PDB file of all heavy atoms in Angstrom:
ATOM      1  N   TYR A   1       6.039 -12.726  70.724  1.00  0.00           N
ATOM      2  CA  TYR A   1       5.713 -13.760  69.740  1.00  0.00           C
ATOM      3  C   TYR A   1       5.900 -15.114  70.351  1.00  0.00           C
ATOM      4  O   TYR A   1       6.927 -15.403  70.923  1.00  0.00           O
ATOM      5  CB  TYR A   1       6.606 -13.597  68.551  1.00  0.00           C
ATOM      6  CG  TYR A   1       6.448 -12.288  67.795  1.00  0.00           C
ATOM      7  CD1 TYR A   1       7.334 -11.225  68.000  1.00  0.00           C
ATOM      8  CD2 TYR A   1       5.424 -12.122  66.887  1.00  0.00           C
ATOM      9  CE1 TYR A   1       7.155  -9.980  67.381  1.00  0.00           C
ATOM     10  CE2 TYR A   1       5.240 -10.884  66.192  1.00  0.00           C
ATOM     11  CZ  TYR A   1       6.153  -9.833  66.443  1.00  0.00           C
ATOM     12  OH  TYR A   1       5.997  -8.722  65.752  1.00  0.00           O
ATOM     13  N   ILE A   2       4.853 -15.945  70.334  1.00  0.00           N
ATOM     14  CA  ILE A   2       4.889 -17.274  70.903  1.00  0.00           C
ATOM     15  C   ILE A   2       4.525 -18.261  69.856  1.00  0.00           C
ATOM     16  O   ILE A   2       3.614 -18.095  69.067  1.00  0.00           O
ATOM     17  CB  ILE A   2       3.851 -17.354  72.055  1.00  0.00           C
ATOM     18  CG1 ILE A   2       4.231 -16.396  73.197  1.00  0.00           C
ATOM     19  CG2 ILE A   2       3.812 -18.806  72.669  1.00  0.00           C
ATOM     20  CD1 ILE A   2       3.289 -16.400  74.372  1.00  0.00           C
ATOM     21  N   GLN A   3       5.240 -19.401  69.884  1.00  0.00           N
ATOM     22  CA  GLN A   3       5.027 -20.433  68.860  1.00  0.00           C
ATOM     23  C   GLN A   3       3.734 -21.140  69.229  1.00  0.00           C
ATOM     24  O   GLN A   3       3.291 -21.313  70.306  1.00  0.00           O
ATOM     25  CB  GLN A   3       6.170 -21.511  69.021  1.00  0.00           C
ATOM     26  CG  GLN A   3       6.097 -22.629  67.962  1.00  0.00           C
ATOM     27  CD  GLN A   3       7.326 -23.472  68.056  1.00  0.00           C
ATOM     28  OE1 GLN A   3       8.474 -23.023  68.380  1.00  0.00           O
ATOM     29  NE2 GLN A   3       7.178 -24.777  67.840  1.00  0.00           N
ATOM     30  N   ASN A   4       2.985 -21.437  68.130  1.00  0.00           N
ATOM     31  CA  ASN A   4       1.735 -22.146  68.232  1.00  0.00           C
ATOM     32  C   ASN A   4       1.776 -23.334  69.206  1.00  0.00           C
ATOM     33  O   ASN A   4       2.650 -24.253  69.030  1.00  0.00           O
ATOM     34  CB  ASN A   4       1.230 -22.603  66.851  1.00  0.00           C
ATOM     35  CG  ASN A   4       0.866 -21.392  65.974  1.00  0.00           C
ATOM     36  OD1 ASN A   4       0.244 -20.406  66.466  1.00  0.00           O
ATOM     37  ND2 ASN A   4       1.210 -21.469  64.728  1.00  0.00           N
ATOM     38  N   GLY A   5       0.896 -23.440  70.179  1.00  0.00           N
ATOM     39  CA  GLY A   5       0.771 -24.559  71.048  1.00  0.00           C
ATOM     40  C   GLY A   5       1.957 -24.683  72.047  1.00  0.00           C
ATOM     41  O   GLY A   5       2.017 -25.766  72.719  1.00  0.00           O
ATOM     42  N   LEU A   6       2.733 -23.694  72.247  1.00  0.00           N
ATOM     43  CA  LEU A   6       3.839 -23.749  73.178  1.00  0.00           C
ATOM     44  C   LEU A   6       3.408 -24.074  74.586  1.00  0.00           C
ATOM     45  O   LEU A   6       4.038 -24.827  75.318  1.00  0.00           O
ATOM     46  CB  LEU A   6       4.607 -22.508  73.118  1.00  0.00           C
ATOM     47  CG  LEU A   6       5.925 -22.450  73.995  1.00  0.00           C
ATOM     48  CD1 LEU A   6       6.953 -23.438  73.384  1.00  0.00           C
ATOM     49  CD2 LEU A   6       6.529 -21.067  74.031  1.00  0.00           C
ATOM     50  N   ASP A   7       2.276 -23.525  75.041  1.00  0.00           N
ATOM     51  CA  ASP A   7       1.780 -23.701  76.402  1.00  0.00           C
ATOM     52  C   ASP A   7       1.219 -25.087  76.629  1.00  0.00           C
ATOM     53  O   ASP A   7       1.029 -25.531  77.721  1.00  0.00           O
ATOM     54  CB  ASP A   7       0.797 -22.646  76.816  1.00  0.00           C
ATOM     55  CG  ASP A   7      -0.429 -22.658  75.878  1.00  0.00           C
ATOM     56  OD1 ASP A   7      -0.219 -23.035  74.660  1.00  0.00           O
ATOM     57  OD2 ASP A   7      -1.500 -22.295  76.297  1.00  0.00           O
ATOM     58  N   GLU A   8       0.998 -25.877  75.541  1.00  0.00           N
ATOM     59  CA  GLU A   8       0.398 -27.144  75.668  1.00  0.00           C
ATOM     60  C   GLU A   8       1.382 -28.304  75.450  1.00  0.00           C
ATOM     61  O   GLU A   8       1.237 -29.367  76.069  1.00  0.00           O
ATOM     62  CB  GLU A   8      -0.710 -27.328  74.639  1.00  0.00           C
ATOM     63  CG  GLU A   8      -1.832 -26.266  74.753  1.00  0.00           C
ATOM     64  CD  GLU A   8      -2.828 -26.347  73.607  1.00  0.00           C
ATOM     65  OE1 GLU A   8      -2.600 -27.181  72.694  1.00  0.00           O
ATOM     66  OE2 GLU A   8      -3.790 -25.585  73.569  1.00  0.00           O
ATOM     67  N   LYS A   9       2.422 -28.113  74.635  1.00  0.00           N
ATOM     68  CA  LYS A   9       3.265 -29.217  74.287  1.00  0.00           C
ATOM     69  C   LYS A   9       4.773 -28.785  74.306  1.00  0.00           C
ATOM     70  O   LYS A   9       5.561 -29.245  73.502  1.00  0.00           O
ATOM     71  CB  LYS A   9       2.882 -29.701  72.888  1.00  0.00           C
ATOM     72  CG  LYS A   9       2.957 -28.634  71.784  1.00  0.00           C
ATOM     73  CD  LYS A   9       2.537 -29.164  70.427  1.00  0.00           C
ATOM     74  CE  LYS A   9       2.562 -28.150  69.335  1.00  0.00           C
ATOM     75  NZ  LYS A   9       2.184 -28.662  68.048  1.00  0.00           N
ATOM     76  N   HIS A  10       5.134 -27.987  75.295  1.00  0.00           N
ATOM     77  CA  HIS A  10       6.475 -27.554  75.354  1.00  0.00           C
ATOM     78  C   HIS A  10       7.368 -28.791  75.603  1.00  0.00           C
ATOM     79  O   HIS A  10       7.099 -29.553  76.534  1.00  0.00           O
ATOM     80  CB  HIS A  10       6.695 -26.490  76.455  1.00  0.00           C
ATOM     81  CG  HIS A  10       8.048 -25.917  76.452  1.00  0.00           C
ATOM     82  ND1 HIS A  10       9.124 -26.508  77.122  1.00  0.00           N
ATOM     83  CD2 HIS A  10       8.550 -24.863  75.857  1.00  0.00           C
ATOM     84  CE1 HIS A  10      10.192 -25.756  76.920  1.00  0.00           C
ATOM     85  NE2 HIS A  10       9.847 -24.764  76.182  1.00  0.00           N
ATOM     86  N   PRO A  11       8.384 -28.927  74.852  1.00  0.00           N
ATOM     87  CA  PRO A  11       9.197 -30.181  74.927  1.00  0.00           C
ATOM     88  C   PRO A  11      10.177 -30.174  76.110  1.00  0.00           C
ATOM     89  O   PRO A  11      10.796 -31.186  76.380  1.00  0.00           O
ATOM     90  CB  PRO A  11       9.990 -30.168  73.602  1.00  0.00           C
ATOM     91  CG  PRO A  11      10.132 -28.745  73.251  1.00  0.00           C
ATOM     92  CD  PRO A  11       8.801 -28.105  73.686  1.00  0.00           C
ATOM     93  N   GLY A  12      10.269 -29.087  76.815  1.00  0.00           N
ATOM     94  CA  GLY A  12      11.239 -29.002  77.907  1.00  0.00           C
ATOM     95  C   GLY A  12      10.723 -29.613  79.171  1.00  0.00           C
ATOM     96  O   GLY A  12       9.680 -30.337  79.173  1.00  0.00           O
ATOM     97  N   LYS A  13      11.456 -29.413  80.295  1.00  0.00           N
ATOM     98  CA  LYS A  13      11.082 -29.919  81.552  1.00  0.00           C
ATOM     99  C   LYS A  13       9.917 -29.165  82.141  1.00  0.00           C
ATOM    100  O   LYS A  13       9.472 -28.181  81.660  1.00  0.00           O
ATOM    101  CB  LYS A  13      12.304 -29.906  82.482  1.00  0.00           C
ATOM    102  CG  LYS A  13      13.481 -30.780  81.995  1.00  0.00           C
ATOM    103  CD  LYS A  13      14.658 -30.699  82.917  1.00  0.00           C
ATOM    104  CE  LYS A  13      15.838 -31.525  82.365  1.00  0.00           C
ATOM    105  NZ  LYS A  13      17.045 -31.445  83.215  1.00  0.00           N
ATOM    106  N   ARG A  14       9.490 -29.631  83.337  1.00  0.00           N
ATOM    107  CA  ARG A  14       8.303 -29.005  83.991  1.00  0.00           C
ATOM    108  C   ARG A  14       8.530 -27.537  84.286  1.00  0.00           C
ATOM    109  O   ARG A  14       7.641 -26.721  84.145  1.00  0.00           O
ATOM    110  CB  ARG A  14       8.064 -29.801  85.304  1.00  0.00           C
ATOM    111  CG  ARG A  14       6.777 -29.267  86.006  1.00  0.00           C
ATOM    112  CD  ARG A  14       6.546 -30.094  87.239  1.00  0.00           C
ATOM    113  NE  ARG A  14       6.336 -31.508  86.940  1.00  0.00           N
ATOM    114  CZ  ARG A  14       6.202 -32.435  87.909  1.00  0.00           C
ATOM    115  NH1 ARG A  14       6.273 -32.143  89.175  1.00  0.00           N
ATOM    116  NH2 ARG A  14       6.044 -33.705  87.570  1.00  0.00           N
ATOM    117  N   LYS A  15       9.797 -27.137  84.722  1.00  0.00           N
ATOM    118  CA  LYS A  15      10.070 -25.779  84.946  1.00  0.00           C
ATOM    119  C   LYS A  15       9.909 -24.946  83.758  1.00  0.00           C
ATOM    120  O   LYS A  15       9.388 -23.838  83.872  1.00  0.00           O
ATOM    121  CB  LYS A  15      11.457 -25.653  85.561  1.00  0.00           C
ATOM    122  CG  LYS A  15      11.800 -24.208  85.998  1.00  0.00           C
ATOM    123  CD  LYS A  15      13.239 -24.078  86.458  1.00  0.00           C
ATOM    124  CE  LYS A  15      13.463 -22.659  86.961  1.00  0.00           C
ATOM    125  NZ  LYS A  15      13.269 -21.653  85.847  1.00  0.00           N
ATOM    126  N   ALA A  16      10.347 -25.413  82.626  1.00  0.00           N
ATOM    127  CA  ALA A  16      10.256 -24.663  81.385  1.00  0.00           C
ATOM    128  C   ALA A  16       8.710 -24.338  81.030  1.00  0.00           C
ATOM    129  O   ALA A  16       8.384 -23.200  80.669  1.00  0.00           O
ATOM    130  CB  ALA A  16      10.877 -25.385  80.224  1.00  0.00           C
ATOM    131  N   LEU A  17       7.879 -25.369  81.276  1.00  0.00           N
ATOM    132  CA  LEU A  17       6.496 -25.113  81.040  1.00  0.00           C
ATOM    133  C   LEU A  17       5.910 -24.167  82.034  1.00  0.00           C
ATOM    134  O   LEU A  17       5.117 -23.250  81.672  1.00  0.00           O
ATOM    135  CB  LEU A  17       5.697 -26.454  81.116  1.00  0.00           C
ATOM    136  CG  LEU A  17       4.197 -26.326  80.939  1.00  0.00           C
ATOM    137  CD1 LEU A  17       3.801 -25.716  79.664  1.00  0.00           C
ATOM    138  CD2 LEU A  17       3.566 -27.729  81.113  1.00  0.00           C
ATOM    139  N   ALA A  18       6.314 -24.245  83.261  1.00  0.00           N
ATOM    140  CA  ALA A  18       5.832 -23.289  84.342  1.00  0.00           C
ATOM    141  C   ALA A  18       6.291 -21.872  83.974  1.00  0.00           C
ATOM    142  O   ALA A  18       5.610 -20.896  84.160  1.00  0.00           O
ATOM    143  CB  ALA A  18       6.427 -23.651  85.670  1.00  0.00           C
ATOM    144  N   ASP A  19       7.509 -21.747  83.382  1.00  0.00           N
ATOM    145  CA  ASP A  19       8.028 -20.386  83.001  1.00  0.00           C
ATOM    146  C   ASP A  19       7.188 -19.868  81.837  1.00  0.00           C
ATOM    147  O   ASP A  19       6.894 -18.665  81.781  1.00  0.00           O
ATOM    148  CB  ASP A  19       9.445 -20.459  82.582  1.00  0.00           C
ATOM    149  CG  ASP A  19      10.389 -20.638  83.801  1.00  0.00           C
ATOM    150  OD1 ASP A  19       9.970 -20.274  84.929  1.00  0.00           O
ATOM    151  OD2 ASP A  19      11.553 -21.058  83.613  1.00  0.00           O
ATOM    152  N   VAL A  20       6.881 -20.745  80.914  1.00  0.00           N
ATOM    153  CA  VAL A  20       5.991 -20.331  79.772  1.00  0.00           C
ATOM    154  C   VAL A  20       4.652 -19.761  80.260  1.00  0.00           C
ATOM    155  O   VAL A  20       4.175 -18.693  79.819  1.00  0.00           O
ATOM    156  CB  VAL A  20       5.817 -21.435  78.783  1.00  0.00           C
ATOM    157  CG1 VAL A  20       4.700 -21.125  77.740  1.00  0.00           C
ATOM    158  CG2 VAL A  20       7.096 -21.829  78.084  1.00  0.00           C
ATOM    159  N   LEU A  21       4.043 -20.509  81.195  1.00  0.00           N
ATOM    160  CA  LEU A  21       2.759 -20.087  81.750  1.00  0.00           C
ATOM    161  C   LEU A  21       2.875 -18.770  82.475  1.00  0.00           C
ATOM    162  O   LEU A  21       2.060 -17.886  82.464  1.00  0.00           O
ATOM    163  CB  LEU A  21       2.188 -21.181  82.614  1.00  0.00           C
ATOM    164  CG  LEU A  21       1.838 -22.520  81.887  1.00  0.00           C
ATOM    165  CD1 LEU A  21       1.350 -23.569  82.854  1.00  0.00           C
ATOM    166  CD2 LEU A  21       0.808 -22.280  80.776  1.00  0.00           C
ATOM    167  N   TRP A  22       3.974 -18.646  83.241  1.00  0.00           N
ATOM    168  CA  TRP A  22       4.262 -17.381  83.989  1.00  0.00           C
ATOM    169  C   TRP A  22       4.357 -16.193  83.062  1.00  0.00           C
ATOM    170  O   TRP A  22       3.826 -15.132  83.251  1.00  0.00           O
ATOM    171  CB  TRP A  22       5.519 -17.533  84.836  1.00  0.00           C
ATOM    172  CG  TRP A  22       5.727 -16.275  85.720  1.00  0.00           C
ATOM    173  CD1 TRP A  22       5.426 -16.222  87.002  1.00  0.00           C
ATOM    174  CD2 TRP A  22       6.445 -15.082  85.355  1.00  0.00           C
ATOM    175  NE1 TRP A  22       5.803 -14.923  87.506  1.00  0.00           N
ATOM    176  CE2 TRP A  22       6.405 -14.275  86.516  1.00  0.00           C
ATOM    177  CE3 TRP A  22       6.983 -14.617  84.157  1.00  0.00           C
ATOM    178  CZ2 TRP A  22       6.944 -12.951  86.458  1.00  0.00           C
ATOM    179  CZ3 TRP A  22       7.491 -13.334  84.092  1.00  0.00           C
ATOM    180  CH2 TRP A  22       7.465 -12.543  85.287  1.00  0.00           C
ATOM    181  N   ILE A  23       5.058 -16.361  81.988  1.00  0.00           N
ATOM    182  CA  ILE A  23       5.312 -15.346  80.974  1.00  0.00           C
ATOM    183  C   ILE A  23       3.928 -14.935  80.381  1.00  0.00           C
ATOM    184  O   ILE A  23       3.653 -13.699  80.196  1.00  0.00           O
ATOM    185  CB  ILE A  23       6.254 -15.763  79.876  1.00  0.00           C
ATOM    186  CG1 ILE A  23       7.675 -15.856  80.423  1.00  0.00           C
ATOM    187  CG2 ILE A  23       6.208 -14.855  78.683  1.00  0.00           C
ATOM    188  CD1 ILE A  23       8.719 -16.574  79.562  1.00  0.00           C
ATOM    189  N   MET A  24       3.133 -15.890  80.028  1.00  0.00           N
ATOM    190  CA  MET A  24       1.869 -15.584  79.395  1.00  0.00           C
ATOM    191  C   MET A  24       0.959 -14.788  80.358  1.00  0.00           C
ATOM    192  O   MET A  24       0.227 -13.902  79.936  1.00  0.00           O
ATOM    193  CB  MET A  24       1.178 -16.856  78.872  1.00  0.00           C
ATOM    194  CG  MET A  24       2.008 -17.561  77.815  1.00  0.00           C
ATOM    195  SD  MET A  24       1.231 -19.114  77.246  1.00  0.00           S
ATOM    196  CE  MET A  24      -0.140 -18.502  76.297  1.00  0.00           C
ATOM    197  N   LYS A  25       0.940 -15.159  81.630  1.00  0.00           N
ATOM    198  CA  LYS A  25       0.193 -14.442  82.624  1.00  0.00           C
ATOM    199  C   LYS A  25       0.729 -13.021  82.819  1.00  0.00           C
ATOM    200  O   LYS A  25      -0.033 -12.055  82.923  1.00  0.00           O
ATOM    201  CB  LYS A  25       0.204 -15.193  83.964  1.00  0.00           C
ATOM    202  CG  LYS A  25      -0.638 -16.489  83.906  1.00  0.00           C
ATOM    203  CD  LYS A  25      -0.606 -17.184  85.297  1.00  0.00           C
ATOM    204  CE  LYS A  25      -1.371 -18.505  85.288  1.00  0.00           C
ATOM    205  NZ  LYS A  25      -1.299 -19.240  86.568  1.00  0.00           N
ATOM    206  N   ALA A  26       2.081 -12.939  82.887  1.00  0.00           N
ATOM    207  CA  ALA A  26       2.669 -11.599  83.003  1.00  0.00           C
ATOM    208  C   ALA A  26       2.360 -10.701  81.801  1.00  0.00           C
ATOM    209  O   ALA A  26       2.100  -9.538  81.992  1.00  0.00           O
ATOM    210  CB  ALA A  26       4.186 -11.759  83.175  1.00  0.00           C
ATOM    211  N   ALA A  27       2.389 -11.209  80.642  1.00  0.00           N
ATOM    212  CA  ALA A  27       2.088 -10.456  79.394  1.00  0.00           C
ATOM    213  C   ALA A  27       0.656  -9.906  79.500  1.00  0.00           C
ATOM    214  O   ALA A  27       0.335  -8.784  79.116  1.00  0.00           O
ATOM    215  CB  ALA A  27       2.268 -11.323  78.169  1.00  0.00           C
ATOM    216  N   LYS A  28      -0.284 -10.749  79.959  1.00  0.00           N
ATOM    217  CA  LYS A  28      -1.679 -10.314  80.112  1.00  0.00           C
ATOM    218  C   LYS A  28      -1.831  -9.228  81.138  1.00  0.00           C
ATOM    219  O   LYS A  28      -2.472  -8.214  80.962  1.00  0.00           O
ATOM    220  CB  LYS A  28      -2.541 -11.540  80.518  1.00  0.00           C
ATOM    221  CG  LYS A  28      -4.008 -11.184  80.536  1.00  0.00           C
ATOM    222  CD  LYS A  28      -4.889 -12.463  80.886  1.00  0.00           C
ATOM    223  CE  LYS A  28      -6.306 -12.094  80.887  1.00  0.00           C
ATOM    224  NZ  LYS A  28      -7.159 -13.288  81.177  1.00  0.00           N
ATOM    225  N   ARG A  29      -1.077  -9.376  82.261  1.00  0.00           N
ATOM    226  CA  ARG A  29      -1.075  -8.375  83.299  1.00  0.00           C
ATOM    227  C   ARG A  29      -0.530  -7.037  82.860  1.00  0.00           C
ATOM    228  O   ARG A  29      -1.008  -6.028  83.215  1.00  0.00           O
ATOM    229  CB  ARG A  29      -0.354  -8.886  84.503  1.00  0.00           C
ATOM    230  CG  ARG A  29      -0.386  -7.978  85.746  1.00  0.00           C
ATOM    231  CD  ARG A  29       0.309  -8.589  86.938  1.00  0.00           C
ATOM    232  NE  ARG A  29       1.762  -8.666  86.795  1.00  0.00           N
ATOM    233  CZ  ARG A  29       2.408  -9.809  86.521  1.00  0.00           C
ATOM    234  NH1 ARG A  29       1.770 -10.964  86.453  1.00  0.00           N
ATOM    235  NH2 ARG A  29       3.694  -9.850  86.367  1.00  0.00           N
ATOM    236  N   LEU A  30       0.517  -7.114  82.001  1.00  0.00           N
ATOM    237  CA  LEU A  30       1.178  -5.907  81.544  1.00  0.00           C
ATOM    238  C   LEU A  30       0.472  -5.313  80.286  1.00  0.00           C
ATOM    239  O   LEU A  30       0.919  -4.342  79.759  1.00  0.00           O
ATOM    240  CB  LEU A  30       2.657  -6.242  81.283  1.00  0.00           C
ATOM    241  CG  LEU A  30       3.513  -6.591  82.365  1.00  0.00           C
ATOM    242  CD1 LEU A  30       4.875  -7.143  81.913  1.00  0.00           C
ATOM    243  CD2 LEU A  30       3.666  -5.445  83.342  1.00  0.00           C
ATOM    244  N   GLU A  31      -0.561  -6.033  79.851  1.00  0.00           N
ATOM    245  CA  GLU A  31      -1.285  -5.596  78.645  1.00  0.00           C
ATOM    246  C   GLU A  31      -0.389  -5.589  77.447  1.00  0.00           C
ATOM    247  O   GLU A  31      -0.427  -4.697  76.559  1.00  0.00           O
ATOM    248  CB  GLU A  31      -2.013  -4.252  78.822  1.00  0.00           C
ATOM    249  CG  GLU A  31      -3.035  -4.332  79.915  1.00  0.00           C
ATOM    250  CD  GLU A  31      -3.771  -2.972  80.096  1.00  0.00           C
ATOM    251  OE1 GLU A  31      -3.307  -1.961  79.614  1.00  0.00           O
ATOM    252  OE2 GLU A  31      -4.856  -2.998  80.745  1.00  0.00           O
ATOM    253  N   LEU A  32       0.566  -6.553  77.375  1.00  0.00           N
ATOM    254  CA  LEU A  32       1.511  -6.690  76.307  1.00  0.00           C
ATOM    255  C   LEU A  32       0.841  -7.378  75.130  1.00  0.00           C
ATOM    256  O   LEU A  32       0.204  -8.475  75.348  1.00  0.00           O
ATOM    257  CB  LEU A  32       2.738  -7.478  76.761  1.00  0.00           C
ATOM    258  CG  LEU A  32       3.803  -7.774  75.721  1.00  0.00           C
ATOM    259  CD1 LEU A  32       4.398  -6.513  75.137  1.00  0.00           C
ATOM    260  CD2 LEU A  32       4.904  -8.619  76.401  1.00  0.00           C
ATOM    261  N   ARG A  33       0.984  -6.910  73.976  1.00  0.00           N
ATOM    262  CA  ARG A  33       0.419  -7.569  72.809  1.00  0.00           C
ATOM    263  C   ARG A  33       1.141  -8.862  72.560  1.00  0.00           C
ATOM    264  O   ARG A  33       2.387  -8.909  72.549  1.00  0.00           O
ATOM    265  CB  ARG A  33       0.656  -6.596  71.567  1.00  0.00           C
ATOM    266  CG  ARG A  33       0.106  -7.192  70.234  1.00  0.00           C
ATOM    267  CD  ARG A  33       0.303  -6.105  69.150  1.00  0.00           C
ATOM    268  NE  ARG A  33       0.552  -6.745  67.924  1.00  0.00           N
ATOM    269  CZ  ARG A  33       1.270  -6.122  66.917  1.00  0.00           C
ATOM    270  NH1 ARG A  33       1.721  -4.908  67.134  1.00  0.00           N
ATOM    271  NH2 ARG A  33       1.438  -6.739  65.780  1.00  0.00           N
ATOM    272  N   VAL A  34       0.315  -9.948  72.387  1.00  0.00           N
ATOM    273  CA  VAL A  34       0.827 -11.290  72.173  1.00  0.00           C
ATOM    274  C   VAL A  34       0.362 -11.804  70.847  1.00  0.00           C
ATOM    275  O   VAL A  34      -0.882 -11.728  70.520  1.00  0.00           O
ATOM    276  CB  VAL A  34       0.366 -12.247  73.332  1.00  0.00           C
ATOM    277  CG1 VAL A  34       0.916 -13.676  73.071  1.00  0.00           C
ATOM    278  CG2 VAL A  34       0.889 -11.736  74.671  1.00  0.00           C
ATOM    279  N   GLU A  35       1.265 -12.340  70.086  1.00  0.00           N
ATOM    280  CA  GLU A  35       0.926 -12.920  68.776  1.00  0.00           C
ATOM    281  C   GLU A  35       1.447 -14.355  68.708  1.00  0.00           C
ATOM    282  O   GLU A  35       2.617 -14.617  69.001  1.00  0.00           O
ATOM    283  CB  GLU A  35       1.435 -12.143  67.598  1.00  0.00           C
ATOM    284  CG  GLU A  35       0.875 -10.756  67.464  1.00  0.00           C
ATOM    285  CD  GLU A  35       1.320 -10.079  66.165  1.00  0.00           C
ATOM    286  OE1 GLU A  35       1.955 -10.732  65.394  1.00  0.00           O
ATOM    287  OE2 GLU A  35       1.015  -8.873  65.993  1.00  0.00           O
ATOM    288  N   THR A  36       0.552 -15.333  68.352  1.00  0.00           N
ATOM    289  CA  THR A  36       1.023 -16.740  68.126  1.00  0.00           C
ATOM    290  C   THR A  36       1.414 -16.827  66.660  1.00  0.00           C
ATOM    291  O   THR A  36       0.814 -16.288  65.757  1.00  0.00           O
ATOM    292  CB  THR A  36      -0.019 -17.698  68.497  1.00  0.00           C
ATOM    293  OG1 THR A  36      -1.242 -17.396  67.754  1.00  0.00           O
ATOM    294  CG2 THR A  36      -0.393 -17.640  69.990  1.00  0.00           C
ATOM    295  N   THR A  37       2.494 -17.607  66.445  1.00  0.00           N
ATOM    296  CA  THR A  37       3.023 -17.696  65.050  1.00  0.00           C
ATOM    297  C   THR A  37       3.710 -19.064  64.959  1.00  0.00           C
ATOM    298  O   THR A  37       3.801 -19.877  65.918  1.00  0.00           O
ATOM    299  CB  THR A  37       3.968 -16.604  64.787  1.00  0.00           C
ATOM    300  OG1 THR A  37       4.326 -16.604  63.398  1.00  0.00           O
ATOM    301  CG2 THR A  37       5.208 -16.611  65.590  1.00  0.00           C
ATOM    302  N   SER A  38       4.278 -19.343  63.785  1.00  0.00           N
ATOM    303  CA  SER A  38       4.886 -20.585  63.528  1.00  0.00           C
ATOM    304  C   SER A  38       6.364 -20.614  63.979  1.00  0.00           C
ATOM    305  O   SER A  38       6.949 -19.519  64.157  1.00  0.00           O
ATOM    306  CB  SER A  38       4.814 -20.890  62.023  1.00  0.00           C
ATOM    307  OG  SER A  38       5.640 -20.000  61.300  1.00  0.00           O
ATOM    308  N   LYS A  39       6.904 -21.767  64.092  1.00  0.00           N
ATOM    309  CA  LYS A  39       8.307 -21.924  64.453  1.00  0.00           C
ATOM    310  C   LYS A  39       9.218 -21.304  63.378  1.00  0.00           C
ATOM    311  O   LYS A  39      10.190 -20.648  63.653  1.00  0.00           O
ATOM    312  CB  LYS A  39       8.679 -23.389  64.610  1.00  0.00           C
ATOM    313  CG  LYS A  39      10.127 -23.640  64.962  1.00  0.00           C
ATOM    314  CD  LYS A  39      10.454 -25.086  65.202  1.00  0.00           C
ATOM    315  CE  LYS A  39      11.872 -25.347  65.599  1.00  0.00           C
ATOM    316  NZ  LYS A  39      12.142 -26.789  65.835  1.00  0.00           N
ATOM    317  N   HIS A  40       8.754 -21.484  62.136  1.00  0.00           N
ATOM    318  CA  HIS A  40       9.539 -20.952  60.979  1.00  0.00           C
ATOM    319  C   HIS A  40       9.589 -19.411  61.124  1.00  0.00           C
ATOM    320  O   HIS A  40      10.681 -18.804  60.840  1.00  0.00           O
ATOM    321  CB  HIS A  40       8.929 -21.327  59.691  1.00  0.00           C
ATOM    322  CG  HIS A  40       9.539 -20.673  58.459  1.00  0.00           C
ATOM    323  ND1 HIS A  40      10.803 -20.981  58.038  1.00  0.00           N
ATOM    324  CD2 HIS A  40       9.084 -19.674  57.679  1.00  0.00           C
ATOM    325  CE1 HIS A  40      11.083 -20.213  56.984  1.00  0.00           C
ATOM    326  NE2 HIS A  40      10.083 -19.410  56.763  1.00  0.00           N
ATOM    327  N   ALA A  41       8.481 -18.749  61.379  1.00  0.00           N
ATOM    328  CA  ALA A  41       8.491 -17.303  61.555  1.00  0.00           C
ATOM    329  C   ALA A  41       9.392 -16.864  62.614  1.00  0.00           C
ATOM    330  O   ALA A  41      10.113 -15.797  62.472  1.00  0.00           O
ATOM    331  CB  ALA A  41       7.088 -16.791  61.760  1.00  0.00           C
ATOM    332  N   LEU A  42       9.426 -17.563  63.736  1.00  0.00           N
ATOM    333  CA  LEU A  42      10.370 -17.205  64.820  1.00  0.00           C
ATOM    334  C   LEU A  42      11.776 -17.424  64.433  1.00  0.00           C
ATOM    335  O   LEU A  42      12.682 -16.593  64.793  1.00  0.00           O
ATOM    336  CB  LEU A  42      10.040 -18.025  66.086  1.00  0.00           C
ATOM    337  CG  LEU A  42       8.614 -17.772  66.695  1.00  0.00           C
ATOM    338  CD1 LEU A  42       8.470 -18.688  67.919  1.00  0.00           C
ATOM    339  CD2 LEU A  42       8.500 -16.328  67.098  1.00  0.00           C
ATOM    340  N   ASN A  43      12.021 -18.475  63.641  1.00  0.00           N
ATOM    341  CA  ASN A  43      13.397 -18.710  63.193  1.00  0.00           C
ATOM    342  C   ASN A  43      13.937 -17.568  62.367  1.00  0.00           C
ATOM    343  O   ASN A  43      15.035 -17.085  62.417  1.00  0.00           O
ATOM    344  CB  ASN A  43      13.428 -19.943  62.289  1.00  0.00           C
ATOM    345  CG  ASN A  43      13.334 -21.227  63.118  1.00  0.00           C
ATOM    346  OD1 ASN A  43      13.512 -21.242  64.357  1.00  0.00           O
ATOM    347  ND2 ASN A  43      13.014 -22.340  62.506  1.00  0.00           N
ATOM    348  N   VAL A  44      12.973 -16.977  61.501  1.00  0.00           N
ATOM    349  CA  VAL A  44      13.353 -15.845  60.650  1.00  0.00           C
ATOM    350  C   VAL A  44      13.670 -14.664  61.502  1.00  0.00           C
ATOM    351  O   VAL A  44      14.604 -13.905  61.266  1.00  0.00           O
ATOM    352  CB  VAL A  44      12.248 -15.560  59.634  1.00  0.00           C
ATOM    353  CG1 VAL A  44      12.479 -14.284  58.905  1.00  0.00           C
ATOM    354  CG2 VAL A  44      12.073 -16.698  58.659  1.00  0.00           C
TER     355      VAL A  44
END
């Protein structure tokens, strides 16, 4: 589960954004189901 727009506007440092992009590529390579959702849903 990934917060909407996380790969575009991650508030962290450059490394954090690079890690987010790495995770998304790895999920695609592993054929892992990915769902984008709201911050509130993740909080729950």
